[in-house]
Amino acid sequence: MKEMTLNVQGMSCGHCVNSIEGNVGSLNGVDNVQVHLSEGKVGVTFDPNKVDLEKITEEIEDQGYDVA
């Protein structure tokens, strides 16, 4: 498993948290997703053999947020 912390802009409420955690968490190979709203960060633990960071980033951006 690999752990990454992403800087995500545009998150402002509980809906943002649920949207990101739900959608990224449903990707095959993602073990854990935790949104840190006040810090503008998303921590993700994933199996790089099943899903890559680009796919995770794409999923967050598809929800309307910017990954810096």
N, C-alpha and C. Protein backbone atom coordinates (compact mmCIF):
# COMPACT_ATOMS: atom_id res chain seq x y z
N MET A 1 0.83 -1.18 0.00
CA MET A 1 0.00 0.00 0.00
C MET A 1 0.88 1.25 0.00
N LYS A 2 0.36 2.28 -0.62
CA LYS A 2 1.06 3.55 -0.70
C LYS A 2 0.16 4.63 -0.10
N GLU A 3 0.75 5.54 0.64
CA GLU A 3 -0.01 6.65 1.24
C GLU A 3 0.44 7.95 0.61
N MET A 4 -0.55 8.79 0.27
CA MET A 4 -0.25 10.09 -0.31
C MET A 4 -1.17 11.13 0.33
N THR A 5 -0.70 12.35 0.40
CA THR A 5 -1.53 13.47 0.84
C THR A 5 -1.57 14.46 -0.31
N LEU A 6 -2.78 14.77 -0.76
CA LEU A 6 -2.96 15.68 -1.89
C LEU A 6 -3.50 17.02 -1.40
N ASN A 7 -3.03 18.10 -1.99
CA ASN A 7 -3.57 19.43 -1.71
C ASN A 7 -4.74 19.63 -2.67
N VAL A 8 -5.92 19.84 -2.11
CA VAL A 8 -7.12 19.97 -2.93
C VAL A 8 -7.80 21.31 -2.62
N GLN A 9 -8.04 22.08 -3.66
CA GLN A 9 -8.68 23.39 -3.51
C GLN A 9 -10.14 23.31 -3.91
N GLY A 10 -10.98 24.09 -3.24
CA GLY A 10 -12.39 24.16 -3.59
C GLY A 10 -13.31 23.41 -2.64
N MET A 11 -12.75 22.72 -1.66
CA MET A 11 -13.57 22.00 -0.68
C MET A 11 -14.01 22.98 0.40
N SER A 12 -15.32 22.96 0.73
CA SER A 12 -15.78 23.94 1.71
C SER A 12 -16.83 23.42 2.69
N CYS A 13 -17.32 22.20 2.49
CA CYS A 13 -18.44 21.76 3.34
C CYS A 13 -18.48 20.24 3.46
N GLY A 14 -19.45 19.78 4.23
CA GLY A 14 -19.63 18.35 4.43
C GLY A 14 -19.95 17.61 3.15
N HIS A 15 -20.66 18.27 2.22
CA HIS A 15 -20.96 17.63 0.94
C HIS A 15 -19.67 17.34 0.19
N CYS A 16 -18.72 18.28 0.25
CA CYS A 16 -17.43 18.09 -0.41
C CYS A 16 -16.72 16.85 0.15
N VAL A 17 -16.74 16.73 1.46
CA VAL A 17 -16.11 15.59 2.13
C VAL A 17 -16.76 14.29 1.66
N ASN A 18 -18.09 14.24 1.71
CA ASN A 18 -18.81 13.02 1.32
C ASN A 18 -18.58 12.68 -0.15
N SER A 19 -18.56 13.69 -0.99
CA SER A 19 -18.37 13.48 -2.42
C SER A 19 -17.00 12.87 -2.71
N ILE A 20 -15.96 13.46 -2.16
CA ILE A 20 -14.61 12.97 -2.42
C ILE A 20 -14.39 11.60 -1.77
N GLU A 21 -14.75 11.47 -0.49
CA GLU A 21 -14.53 10.18 0.19
C GLU A 21 -15.33 9.07 -0.47
N GLY A 22 -16.56 9.36 -0.89
CA GLY A 22 -17.39 8.34 -1.51
C GLY A 22 -16.89 7.91 -2.88
N ASN A 23 -16.57 8.89 -3.72
CA ASN A 23 -16.16 8.58 -5.08
C ASN A 23 -14.75 8.01 -5.17
N VAL A 24 -13.82 8.61 -4.48
CA VAL A 24 -12.45 8.08 -4.50
C VAL A 24 -12.41 6.73 -3.77
N GLY A 25 -13.14 6.64 -2.67
CA GLY A 25 -13.17 5.39 -1.90
C GLY A 25 -13.74 4.21 -2.67
N SER A 26 -14.55 4.49 -3.69
CA SER A 26 -15.15 3.41 -4.47
C SER A 26 -14.24 2.89 -5.58
N LEU A 27 -13.12 3.56 -5.81
CA LEU A 27 -12.19 3.10 -6.84
C LEU A 27 -11.53 1.80 -6.40
N ASN A 28 -11.42 0.86 -7.33
CA ASN A 28 -10.75 -0.41 -7.05
C ASN A 28 -9.29 -0.16 -6.71
N GLY A 29 -8.86 -0.62 -5.56
CA GLY A 29 -7.47 -0.45 -5.14
C GLY A 29 -7.29 0.62 -4.08
N VAL A 30 -8.33 1.45 -3.85
CA VAL A 30 -8.25 2.48 -2.81
C VAL A 30 -8.69 1.86 -1.49
N ASP A 31 -7.82 1.92 -0.50
CA ASP A 31 -8.09 1.31 0.81
C ASP A 31 -8.73 2.30 1.78
N ASN A 32 -8.27 3.56 1.74
CA ASN A 32 -8.77 4.55 2.70
C ASN A 32 -8.65 5.94 2.10
N VAL A 33 -9.66 6.77 2.38
CA VAL A 33 -9.64 8.18 1.96
C VAL A 33 -10.08 9.01 3.14
N GLN A 34 -9.34 10.06 3.44
CA GLN A 34 -9.72 10.94 4.54
C GLN A 34 -9.52 12.38 4.10
N VAL A 35 -10.63 13.13 4.11
CA VAL A 35 -10.58 14.55 3.75
C VAL A 35 -10.34 15.37 5.02
N HIS A 36 -9.35 16.26 4.93
CA HIS A 36 -9.05 17.20 6.02
C HIS A 36 -9.48 18.57 5.51
N LEU A 37 -10.75 18.88 5.72
CA LEU A 37 -11.38 20.07 5.14
C LEU A 37 -10.66 21.36 5.53
N SER A 38 -10.37 21.54 6.81
CA SER A 38 -9.76 22.80 7.27
C SER A 38 -8.34 23.00 6.72
N GLU A 39 -7.68 21.91 6.37
CA GLU A 39 -6.31 21.99 5.84
C GLU A 39 -6.28 22.00 4.32
N GLY A 40 -7.40 21.66 3.68
CA GLY A 40 -7.43 21.58 2.23
C GLY A 40 -6.62 20.40 1.71
N LYS A 41 -6.66 19.30 2.46
CA LYS A 41 -5.87 18.12 2.09
C LYS A 41 -6.74 16.87 2.06
N VAL A 42 -6.33 15.93 1.21
CA VAL A 42 -6.98 14.63 1.14
C VAL A 42 -5.89 13.57 1.27
N GLY A 43 -6.02 12.74 2.30
CA GLY A 43 -5.10 11.63 2.49
C GLY A 43 -5.70 10.39 1.86
N VAL A 44 -4.90 9.66 1.12
CA VAL A 44 -5.41 8.46 0.45
C VAL A 44 -4.39 7.33 0.58
N THR A 45 -4.88 6.14 0.90
CA THR A 45 -4.06 4.94 0.94
C THR A 45 -4.56 4.02 -0.16
N PHE A 46 -3.65 3.59 -1.04
CA PHE A 46 -4.07 2.80 -2.19
C PHE A 46 -3.01 1.79 -2.60
N ASP A 47 -3.45 0.81 -3.38
CA ASP A 47 -2.57 -0.21 -3.92
C ASP A 47 -2.14 0.25 -5.32
N PRO A 48 -0.89 0.65 -5.50
CA PRO A 48 -0.45 1.17 -6.80
C PRO A 48 -0.48 0.12 -7.92
N ASN A 49 -0.64 -1.16 -7.57
CA ASN A 49 -0.78 -2.19 -8.58
C ASN A 49 -2.19 -2.25 -9.16
N LYS A 50 -3.14 -1.62 -8.47
CA LYS A 50 -4.54 -1.65 -8.91
C LYS A 50 -5.04 -0.30 -9.41
N VAL A 51 -4.54 0.79 -8.84
CA VAL A 51 -4.97 2.12 -9.23
C VAL A 51 -3.79 3.07 -9.08
N ASP A 52 -3.66 4.01 -10.04
CA ASP A 52 -2.53 4.94 -9.95
C ASP A 52 -3.00 6.31 -9.46
N LEU A 53 -2.05 7.11 -9.08
CA LEU A 53 -2.34 8.43 -8.53
C LEU A 53 -3.07 9.30 -9.55
N GLU A 54 -2.76 9.12 -10.82
CA GLU A 54 -3.43 9.90 -11.87
C GLU A 54 -4.94 9.64 -11.88
N LYS A 55 -5.34 8.39 -11.70
CA LYS A 55 -6.76 8.04 -11.68
C LYS A 55 -7.45 8.66 -10.45
N ILE A 56 -6.77 8.63 -9.31
CA ILE A 56 -7.32 9.22 -8.08
C ILE A 56 -7.48 10.72 -8.26
N THR A 57 -6.45 11.37 -8.79
CA THR A 57 -6.50 12.82 -9.04
C THR A 57 -7.63 13.16 -10.01
N GLU A 58 -7.75 12.38 -11.06
CA GLU A 58 -8.81 12.58 -12.06
C GLU A 58 -10.20 12.48 -11.43
N GLU A 59 -10.38 11.52 -10.54
CA GLU A 59 -11.67 11.34 -9.87
C GLU A 59 -12.01 12.56 -9.00
N ILE A 60 -11.02 13.11 -8.31
CA ILE A 60 -11.25 14.31 -7.49
C ILE A 60 -11.58 15.50 -8.39
N GLU A 61 -10.84 15.66 -9.47
CA GLU A 61 -11.08 16.79 -10.38
C GLU A 61 -12.43 16.65 -11.08
N ASP A 62 -12.87 15.43 -11.35
CA ASP A 62 -14.18 15.22 -11.97
C ASP A 62 -15.33 15.67 -11.04
N GLN A 63 -15.04 15.75 -9.74
CA GLN A 63 -16.03 16.22 -8.77
C GLN A 63 -16.06 17.75 -8.69
N GLY A 64 -15.15 18.40 -9.43
CA GLY A 64 -15.13 19.86 -9.48
C GLY A 64 -14.11 20.53 -8.59
N TYR A 65 -13.14 19.78 -8.10
CA TYR A 65 -12.10 20.33 -7.22
C TYR A 65 -10.77 20.37 -7.97
N ASP A 66 -9.86 21.20 -7.50
CA ASP A 66 -8.54 21.33 -8.12
C ASP A 66 -7.50 20.68 -7.23
N VAL A 67 -6.73 19.77 -7.81
CA VAL A 67 -5.63 19.14 -7.11
C VAL A 67 -4.36 19.90 -7.45
N ALA A 68 -3.72 20.47 -6.43
CA ALA A 68 -2.52 21.29 -6.66
C ALA A 68 -1.26 20.46 -6.52
